C-alpha atoms as a PDB file:
ATOM      1  CA  UNK A   1      36.202 184.692 117.764  1.00  0.00           C
ATOM      2  CA  UNK A   2      37.193 187.797 115.820  1.00  0.00           C
ATOM      3  CA  UNK A   3      35.851 186.215 112.643  1.00  0.00           C
ATOM      4  CA  UNK A   4      32.501 185.503 114.329  1.00  0.00           C
ATOM      5  CA  UNK A   5      32.276 189.143 115.482  1.00  0.00           C
ATOM      6  CA  UNK A   6      33.064 190.360 111.968  1.00  0.00           C
ATOM      7  CA  UNK A   7      30.313 188.169 110.510  1.00  0.00           C
ATOM      8  CA  UNK A   8      27.872 189.449 113.121  1.00  0.00           C
ATOM      9  CA  UNK A   9      28.763 193.058 112.290  1.00  0.00           C
ATOM     10  CA  UNK A  10      28.291 192.435 108.550  1.00  0.00           C
ATOM     11  CA  UNK A  11      24.905 190.794 109.133  1.00  0.00           C
ATOM     12  CA  UNK A  12      23.795 193.696 111.309  1.00  0.00           C
ATOM     13  CA  UNK A  13      24.921 196.154 108.656  1.00  0.00           C
ATOM     14  CA  UNK A  14      22.944 194.332 105.965  1.00  0.00           C
ATOM     15  CA  UNK A  15      19.841 194.338 108.145  1.00  0.00           C
ATOM     16  CA  UNK A  16      20.168 198.081 108.747  1.00  0.00           C
ATOM     17  CA  UNK A  17      20.623 198.820 105.041  1.00  0.00           C
ATOM     18  CA  UNK A  18      17.715 196.566 104.145  1.00  0.00           C
ATOM     19  CA  UNK A  19      15.500 198.291 106.677  1.00  0.00           C
ATOM     20  CA  UNK A  20      16.505 201.715 105.350  1.00  0.00           C
ATOM     21  CA  UNK A  21      15.653 200.637 101.806  1.00  0.00           C
ATOM     22  CA  UNK A  22      12.220 199.492 102.947  1.00  0.00           C
ATOM     23  CA  UNK A  23      11.635 202.804 104.707  1.00  0.00           C
ATOM     24  CA  UNK A  24      12.602 204.795 101.582  1.00  0.00           C
ATOM     25  CA  UNK A  25      10.463 202.636  99.318  1.00  0.00           C
ATOM     26  CA  UNK A  26       7.581 202.786 101.758  1.00  0.00           C
ATOM     27  CA  UNK A  27       7.740 206.583 101.843  1.00  0.00           C
ATOM     28  CA  UNK A  28       7.263 206.906  98.074  1.00  0.00           C
ATOM     29  CA  UNK A  29       3.814 208.074  97.030  1.00  0.00           C
ATOM     30  CA  UNK A  30       2.407 205.618  94.501  1.00  0.00           C
ATOM     31  CA  UNK A  31      -1.289 206.091  95.201  1.00  0.00           C
ATOM     32  CA  UNK A  32      -3.278 208.111  92.668  1.00  0.00           C
ATOM     33  CA  UNK A  33      -5.766 210.748  93.838  1.00  0.00           C
ATOM     34  CA  UNK A  34      -9.458 209.841  93.711  1.00  0.00           C
ATOM     35  CA  UNK A  35     -11.961 211.855  91.668  1.00  0.00           C
ATOM     36  CA  UNK A  36     -15.591 211.829  92.794  1.00  0.00           C
ATOM     37  CA  UNK A  37     -18.299 212.802  90.301  1.00  0.00           C
ATOM     38  CA  UNK A  38     -21.824 213.571  91.484  1.00  0.00           C
ATOM     39  CA  UNK A  39     -24.783 212.737  89.278  1.00  0.00           C
ATOM     40  CA  UNK A  40     -26.030 215.811  87.439  1.00  0.00           C
ATOM     41  CA  UNK A  41     -28.032 216.653  84.326  1.00  0.00           C
ATOM     42  CA  UNK A  42     -25.411 218.653  82.421  1.00  0.00           C
ATOM     43  CA  UNK A  43     -25.267 219.814  78.816  1.00  0.00           C
ATOM     44  CA  UNK A  44     -22.077 220.575  76.901  1.00  0.00           C
ATOM     45  CA  UNK A  45     -22.132 222.640  73.715  1.00  0.00           C
ATOM     46  CA  UNK A  46     -19.273 221.991  71.331  1.00  0.00           C
ATOM     47  CA  UNK A  47     -16.765 224.837  71.313  1.00  0.00           C
ATOM     48  CA  UNK A  48     -17.719 226.185  74.733  1.00  0.00           C
ATOM     49  CA  UNK A  49     -15.634 226.238  77.923  1.00  0.00           C
ATOM     50  CA  UNK A  50     -15.525 223.408  80.439  1.00  0.00           C
ATOM     51  CA  UNK A  51     -16.662 225.308  83.522  1.00  0.00           C
ATOM     52  CA  UNK A  52     -20.115 223.699  83.536  1.00  0.00           C
ATOM     53  CA  UNK A  53     -18.614 220.213  83.204  1.00  0.00           C
ATOM     54  CA  UNK A  54     -16.613 220.624  86.419  1.00  0.00           C
ATOM     55  CA  UNK A  55     -19.709 221.114  88.557  1.00  0.00           C
ATOM     56  CA  UNK A  56     -20.106 218.381  91.142  1.00  0.00           C
ATOM     57  CA  UNK A  57     -16.550 217.111  90.609  1.00  0.00           C
ATOM     58  CA  UNK A  58     -14.089 216.836  93.510  1.00  0.00           C
ATOM     59  CA  UNK A  59     -10.742 215.134  94.114  1.00  0.00           C
ATOM     60  CA  UNK A  60      -8.917 213.909  97.210  1.00  0.00           C
ATOM     61  CA  UNK A  61      -5.362 212.608  97.603  1.00  0.00           C
ATOM     62  CA  UNK A  62      -4.018 210.498 100.457  1.00  0.00           C
ATOM     63  CA  UNK A  63      -1.085 212.896 100.948  1.00  0.00           C
ATOM     64  CA  UNK A  64      -1.887 216.154  99.176  1.00  0.00           C
ATOM     65  CA  UNK A  65      -5.434 216.383 100.505  1.00  0.00           C
ATOM     66  CA  UNK A  66      -8.101 218.295  98.577  1.00  0.00           C
ATOM     67  CA  UNK A  67      -7.183 218.542  94.872  1.00  0.00           C
ATOM     68  CA  UNK A  68     -10.582 219.664  93.603  1.00  0.00           C
ATOM     69  CA  UNK A  69      -9.133 222.855  92.108  1.00  0.00           C
ATOM     70  CA  UNK A  70      -6.601 220.768  90.153  1.00  0.00           C
ATOM     71  CA  UNK A  71      -9.171 218.615  88.330  1.00  0.00           C
ATOM     72  CA  UNK A  72      -9.247 219.169  84.568  1.00  0.00           C
ATOM     73  CA  UNK A  73     -11.345 217.940  81.666  1.00  0.00           C
ATOM     74  CA  UNK A  74      -9.191 215.498  79.732  1.00  0.00           C
ATOM     75  CA  UNK A  75     -11.493 215.172  76.734  1.00  0.00           C
ATOM     76  CA  UNK A  76     -15.116 215.123  75.602  1.00  0.00           C
ATOM     77  CA  UNK A  77     -16.062 212.235  73.313  1.00  0.00           C
ATOM     78  CA  UNK A  78     -19.407 212.159  71.511  1.00  0.00           C
ATOM     79  CA  UNK A  79     -20.860 208.639  71.705  1.00  0.00           C
ATOM     80  CA  UNK A  80     -24.261 209.089  70.043  1.00  0.00           C
ATOM     81  CA  UNK A  81     -26.731 211.790  69.095  1.00  0.00           C
ATOM     82  CA  UNK A  82     -27.210 214.072  72.050  1.00  0.00           C
ATOM     83  CA  UNK A  83     -24.770 212.296  74.394  1.00  0.00           C
ATOM     84  CA  UNK A  84     -21.044 212.461  75.177  1.00  0.00           C
ATOM     85  CA  UNK A  85     -18.603 211.078  77.736  1.00  0.00           C
ATOM     86  CA  UNK A  86     -16.507 213.576  79.694  1.00  0.00           C
ATOM     87  CA  UNK A  87     -13.146 212.266  80.910  1.00  0.00           C
ATOM     88  CA  UNK A  88     -11.587 213.951  83.960  1.00  0.00           C
ATOM     89  CA  UNK A  89      -8.029 213.879  85.273  1.00  0.00           C
ATOM     90  CA  UNK A  90      -6.027 215.141  88.235  1.00  0.00           C
ATOM     91  CA  UNK A  91      -2.341 214.830  89.160  1.00  0.00           C
ATOM     92  CA  UNK A  92      -0.813 214.908  92.645  1.00  0.00           C
ATOM     93  CA  UNK A  93       2.645 216.237  93.559  1.00  0.00           C
ATOM     94  CA  UNK A  94       4.177 212.791  93.013  1.00  0.00           C
ATOM     95  CA  UNK A  95       2.749 212.800  89.456  1.00  0.00           C
ATOM     96  CA  UNK A  96       0.233 210.047  90.173  1.00  0.00           C
ATOM     97  CA  UNK A  97      -2.770 210.582  87.897  1.00  0.00           C
ATOM     98  CA  UNK A  98      -6.365 209.883  88.880  1.00  0.00           C
ATOM     99  CA  UNK A  99      -9.162 209.653  86.312  1.00  0.00           C
ATOM    100  CA  UNK A 100     -12.956 209.524  86.165  1.00  0.00           C
ATOM    101  CA  UNK A 101     -15.733 209.965  83.609  1.00  0.00           C
ATOM    102  CA  UNK A 102     -19.436 210.687  83.267  1.00  0.00           C
ATOM    103  CA  UNK A 103     -22.060 210.986  80.544  1.00  0.00           C
ATOM    104  CA  UNK A 104     -23.570 214.379  79.688  1.00  0.00           C
ATOM    105  CA  UNK A 105     -25.931 215.833  77.114  1.00  0.00           C
ATOM    106  CA  UNK A 106     -24.154 217.037  73.977  1.00  0.00           C
ATOM    107  CA  UNK A 107     -25.070 219.831  71.571  1.00  0.00           C
ATOM    108  CA  UNK A 108     -23.079 220.318  68.368  1.00  0.00           C
ATOM    109  CA  UNK A 109     -21.733 223.741  67.477  1.00  0.00           C
ATOM    110  CA  UNK A 110     -23.624 225.299  64.594  1.00  0.00           C
ATOM    111  CA  UNK A 111     -20.491 226.962  63.222  1.00  0.00           C
ATOM    112  CA  UNK A 112     -18.967 225.501  60.075  1.00  0.00           C
ATOM    113  CA  UNK A 113     -15.493 225.551  61.651  1.00  0.00           C
ATOM    114  CA  UNK A 114     -15.746 224.883  65.407  1.00  0.00           C
ATOM    115  CA  UNK A 115     -12.887 226.066  67.604  1.00  0.00           C
ATOM    116  CA  UNK A 116     -10.544 223.477  69.051  1.00  0.00           C
ATOM    117  CA  UNK A 117     -10.739 223.838  72.844  1.00  0.00           C
ATOM    118  CA  UNK A 118     -10.304 220.274  74.067  1.00  0.00           C
ATOM    119  CA  UNK A 119      -7.721 220.305  76.878  1.00  0.00           C
ATOM    120  CA  UNK A 120      -7.025 216.629  76.486  1.00  0.00           C
ATOM    121  CA  UNK A 121      -4.828 215.844  73.564  1.00  0.00           C
ATOM    122  CA  UNK A 122      -5.007 212.597  71.673  1.00  0.00           C
ATOM    123  CA  UNK A 123      -4.066 211.658  68.137  1.00  0.00           C
ATOM    124  CA  UNK A 124      -7.237 212.175  66.103  1.00  0.00           C
ATOM    125  CA  UNK A 125      -7.190 211.933  62.341  1.00  0.00           C
ATOM    126  CA  UNK A 126      -6.090 215.198  60.785  1.00  0.00           C
ATOM    127  CA  UNK A 127      -6.788 216.523  57.321  1.00  0.00           C
ATOM    128  CA  UNK A 128      -4.548 214.870  54.756  1.00  0.00           C
ATOM    129  CA  UNK A 129      -2.866 218.172  54.347  1.00  0.00           C
ATOM    130  CA  UNK A 130       0.898 218.543  54.483  1.00  0.00           C
ATOM    131  CA  UNK A 131       0.578 220.512  57.714  1.00  0.00           C
ATOM    132  CA  UNK A 132      -0.850 217.453  59.490  1.00  0.00           C
ATOM    133  CA  UNK A 133       2.494 215.698  59.362  1.00  0.00           C
ATOM    134  CA  UNK A 134       4.173 218.715  60.904  1.00  0.00           C
ATOM    135  CA  UNK A 135       1.790 218.561  63.864  1.00  0.00           C
ATOM    136  CA  UNK A 136       2.338 214.840  64.508  1.00  0.00           C
ATOM    137  CA  UNK A 137       4.640 214.428  67.557  1.00  0.00           C
ATOM    138  CA  UNK A 138       5.573 210.909  66.478  1.00  0.00           C
ATOM    139  CA  UNK A 139       6.862 212.155  63.118  1.00  0.00           C
ATOM    140  CA  UNK A 140       8.386 215.207  64.735  1.00  0.00           C
ATOM    141  CA  UNK A 141      10.307 212.918  67.061  1.00  0.00           C
ATOM    142  CA  UNK A 142      12.001 211.280  64.077  1.00  0.00           C
ATOM    143  CA  UNK A 143      13.721 214.606  63.406  1.00  0.00           C
ATOM    144  CA  UNK A 144      14.348 215.493  67.054  1.00  0.00           C
ATOM    145  CA  UNK A 145      16.496 213.012  68.934  1.00  0.00           C
ATOM    146  CA  UNK A 146      14.858 212.978  72.369  1.00  0.00           C
ATOM    147  CA  UNK A 147      16.463 210.707  74.947  1.00  0.00           C
ATOM    148  CA  UNK A 148      14.516 209.599  78.041  1.00  0.00           C
ATOM    149  CA  UNK A 149      16.341 209.663  81.374  1.00  0.00           C
ATOM    150  CA  UNK A 150      15.531 206.660  83.546  1.00  0.00           C
ATOM    151  CA  UNK A 151      12.110 205.032  83.279  1.00  0.00           C
ATOM    152  CA  UNK A 152      10.095 208.215  82.704  1.00  0.00           C
ATOM    153  CA  UNK A 153       9.200 209.323  79.165  1.00  0.00           C
ATOM    154  CA  UNK A 154      10.079 212.796  77.901  1.00  0.00           C
ATOM    155  CA  UNK A 155       8.097 215.436  76.048  1.00  0.00           C
ATOM    156  CA  UNK A 156       9.465 218.569  74.382  1.00  0.00           C
ATOM    157  CA  UNK A 157       7.707 221.692  73.131  1.00  0.00           C
ATOM    158  CA  UNK A 158       8.829 223.945  70.302  1.00  0.00           C
ATOM    159  CA  UNK A 159       8.220 227.029  72.460  1.00  0.00           C
ATOM    160  CA  UNK A 160       6.956 228.033  75.890  1.00  0.00           C
ATOM    161  CA  UNK A 161       4.760 230.889  74.665  1.00  0.00           C
ATOM    162  CA  UNK A 162       2.278 231.375  71.814  1.00  0.00           C
ATOM    163  CA  UNK A 163       0.261 234.487  70.921  1.00  0.00           C
ATOM    164  CA  UNK A 164      -2.872 234.342  68.768  1.00  0.00           C
ATOM    165  CA  UNK A 165      -5.625 236.775  67.813  1.00  0.00           C
ATOM    166  CA  UNK A 166      -8.988 236.309  69.516  1.00  0.00           C
ATOM    167  CA  UNK A 167     -11.225 234.039  67.472  1.00  0.00           C
ATOM    168  CA  UNK A 168      -8.296 232.207  65.888  1.00  0.00           C
ATOM    169  CA  UNK A 169      -8.168 228.420  66.041  1.00  0.00           C
ATOM    170  CA  UNK A 170      -5.287 226.943  68.052  1.00  0.00           C
ATOM    171  CA  UNK A 171      -4.012 223.391  67.567  1.00  0.00           C
ATOM    172  CA  UNK A 172      -2.631 222.098  70.868  1.00  0.00           C
ATOM    173  CA  UNK A 173      -0.484 219.548  69.052  1.00  0.00           C
ATOM    174  CA  UNK A 174       1.267 222.191  66.963  1.00  0.00           C
ATOM    175  CA  UNK A 175       3.676 223.072  69.797  1.00  0.00           C
ATOM    176  CA  UNK A 176       4.679 219.480  70.596  1.00  0.00           C
ATOM    177  CA  UNK A 177       8.219 218.978  69.324  1.00  0.00           C
ATOM    178  CA  UNK A 178       8.317 215.269  70.133  1.00  0.00           C
ATOM    179  CA  UNK A 179       7.986 212.480  72.705  1.00  0.00           C
ATOM    180  CA  UNK A 180      10.249 209.561  73.609  1.00  0.00           C
ATOM    181  CA  UNK A 181      10.313 206.627  76.005  1.00  0.00           C
ATOM    182  CA  UNK A 182      12.519 203.650  76.783  1.00  0.00           C
ATOM    183  CA  UNK A 183       9.745 201.121  76.206  1.00  0.00           C
ATOM    184  CA  UNK A 184       6.952 202.703  74.117  1.00  0.00           C
ATOM    185  CA  UNK A 185       7.540 203.826  70.541  1.00  0.00           C
ATOM    186  CA  UNK A 186       6.744 207.398  69.511  1.00  0.00           C
ATOM    187  CA  UNK A 187       3.561 206.442  67.666  1.00  0.00           C
ATOM    188  CA  UNK A 188       1.900 204.813  70.675  1.00  0.00           C
ATOM    189  CA  UNK A 189       3.349 207.317  73.135  1.00  0.00           C
ATOM    190  CA  UNK A 190       1.966 210.276  71.190  1.00  0.00           C
ATOM    191  CA  UNK A 191      -1.570 208.985  71.818  1.00  0.00           C
ATOM    192  CA  UNK A 192      -0.952 209.370  75.562  1.00  0.00           C
ATOM    193  CA  UNK A 193      -0.170 213.090  75.554  1.00  0.00           C
ATOM    194  CA  UNK A 194      -2.385 215.115  77.872  1.00  0.00           C
ATOM    195  CA  UNK A 195      -2.757 218.814  78.569  1.00  0.00           C
ATOM    196  CA  UNK A 196      -3.899 220.211  81.904  1.00  0.00           C
ATOM    197  CA  UNK A 197      -5.526 223.625  81.645  1.00  0.00           C
ATOM    198  CA  UNK A 198      -8.438 225.576  80.237  1.00  0.00           C
ATOM    199  CA  UNK A 199      -8.502 228.328  77.649  1.00  0.00           C
ATOM    200  CA  UNK A 200     -10.904 230.284  75.481  1.00  0.00           C
ATOM    201  CA  UNK A 201      -9.735 231.429  72.056  1.00  0.00           C
ATOM    202  CA  UNK A 202     -12.566 233.971  71.983  1.00  0.00           C
ATOM    203  CA  UNK A 203     -11.652 235.702  75.261  1.00  0.00           C
ATOM    204  CA  UNK A 204      -8.432 237.785  75.485  1.00  0.00           C
ATOM    205  CA  UNK A 205      -6.081 236.783  78.272  1.00  0.00           C
ATOM    206  CA  UNK A 206      -3.126 234.570  79.178  1.00  0.00           C
ATOM    207  CA  UNK A 207      -3.760 230.872  79.740  1.00  0.00           C
ATOM    208  CA  UNK A 208      -1.357 228.289  81.189  1.00  0.00           C
ATOM    209  CA  UNK A 209      -1.395 224.857  79.552  1.00  0.00           C
ATOM    210  CA  UNK A 210       0.587 222.015  81.141  1.00  0.00           C
ATOM    211  CA  UNK A 211       1.767 219.267  78.792  1.00  0.00           C
ATOM    212  CA  UNK A 212       2.814 215.795  79.936  1.00  0.00           C
ATOM    213  CA  UNK A 213       2.816 212.218  78.668  1.00  0.00           C
ATOM    214  CA  UNK A 214       2.260 208.912  80.471  1.00  0.00           C
ATOM    215  CA  UNK A 215       3.723 205.689  79.071  1.00  0.00           C
ATOM    216  CA  UNK A 216       2.074 202.251  79.126  1.00  0.00           C
ATOM    217  CA  UNK A 217       3.851 201.421  82.406  1.00  0.00           C
ATOM    218  CA  UNK A 218       2.302 204.430  84.128  1.00  0.00           C
ATOM    219  CA  UNK A 219       5.490 206.513  84.212  1.00  0.00           C
ATOM    220  CA  UNK A 220       4.864 210.251  83.817  1.00  0.00           C
ATOM    221  CA  UNK A 221       7.120 212.764  82.104  1.00  0.00           C
ATOM    222  CA  UNK A 222       8.106 216.139  83.457  1.00  0.00           C
ATOM    223  CA  UNK A 223       5.396 218.723  82.932  1.00  0.00           C
ATOM    224  CA  UNK A 224       6.101 221.345  80.264  1.00  0.00           C
ATOM    225  CA  UNK A 225       4.172 224.611  80.538  1.00  0.00           C
ATOM    226  CA  UNK A 226       2.962 226.698  77.604  1.00  0.00           C
ATOM    227  CA  UNK A 227       1.589 230.223  77.974  1.00  0.00           C
ATOM    228  CA  UNK A 228      -1.162 230.886  75.432  1.00  0.00           C
ATOM    229  CA  UNK A 229      -1.779 234.599  74.950  1.00  0.00           C
ATOM    230  CA  UNK A 230      -5.083 235.504  73.313  1.00  0.00           C
ATOM    231  CA  UNK A 231      -5.191 239.134  72.141  1.00  0.00           C
END
């Protein structure tokens, strides 16, 4: 009889623990926010800010509510003469990332050396100059032993603050010390670096840029913040 009671108690305990695990797992936020983009006839001029591109864009999250003010332009990709695709992103408090895109009119900058103001960072081909290797996070990671904790990737910056003179070009990748992940190699992971924030190298002020990286499994690193001071 005592043995039967003990078995019953153990079974009840397992059921309680199993139920608690389901409750904890069920409470985790795994749903990405949704970005809505209204149709609009917009024109983007290379080298200009992204304010115009955010018109008609809103975001809603199932838990965090309205995230419209958190939407950022991930990148602008020219697809043909006079047209480009704008990629948008937004992150909720649980680090779920929602994305969207739309096509806009595109006007090239007439300057010989356009400023780099794209707030989405991806590995584009750099000049075959020696400095290009120094700005490659994959190569930088070979010299900086970054170790991911758990499933999430990691990203490291060389500094948390940069000051430049107004009108000076700023390479967003130049402050990335390295990236690392338990499953993706540094080369592929470095193509998934993103930066949340807007800045204008021609307008004095302090701008906050938030760096993070998402691996192929959808795991997001901690966000690293850089303050860009334009004087």
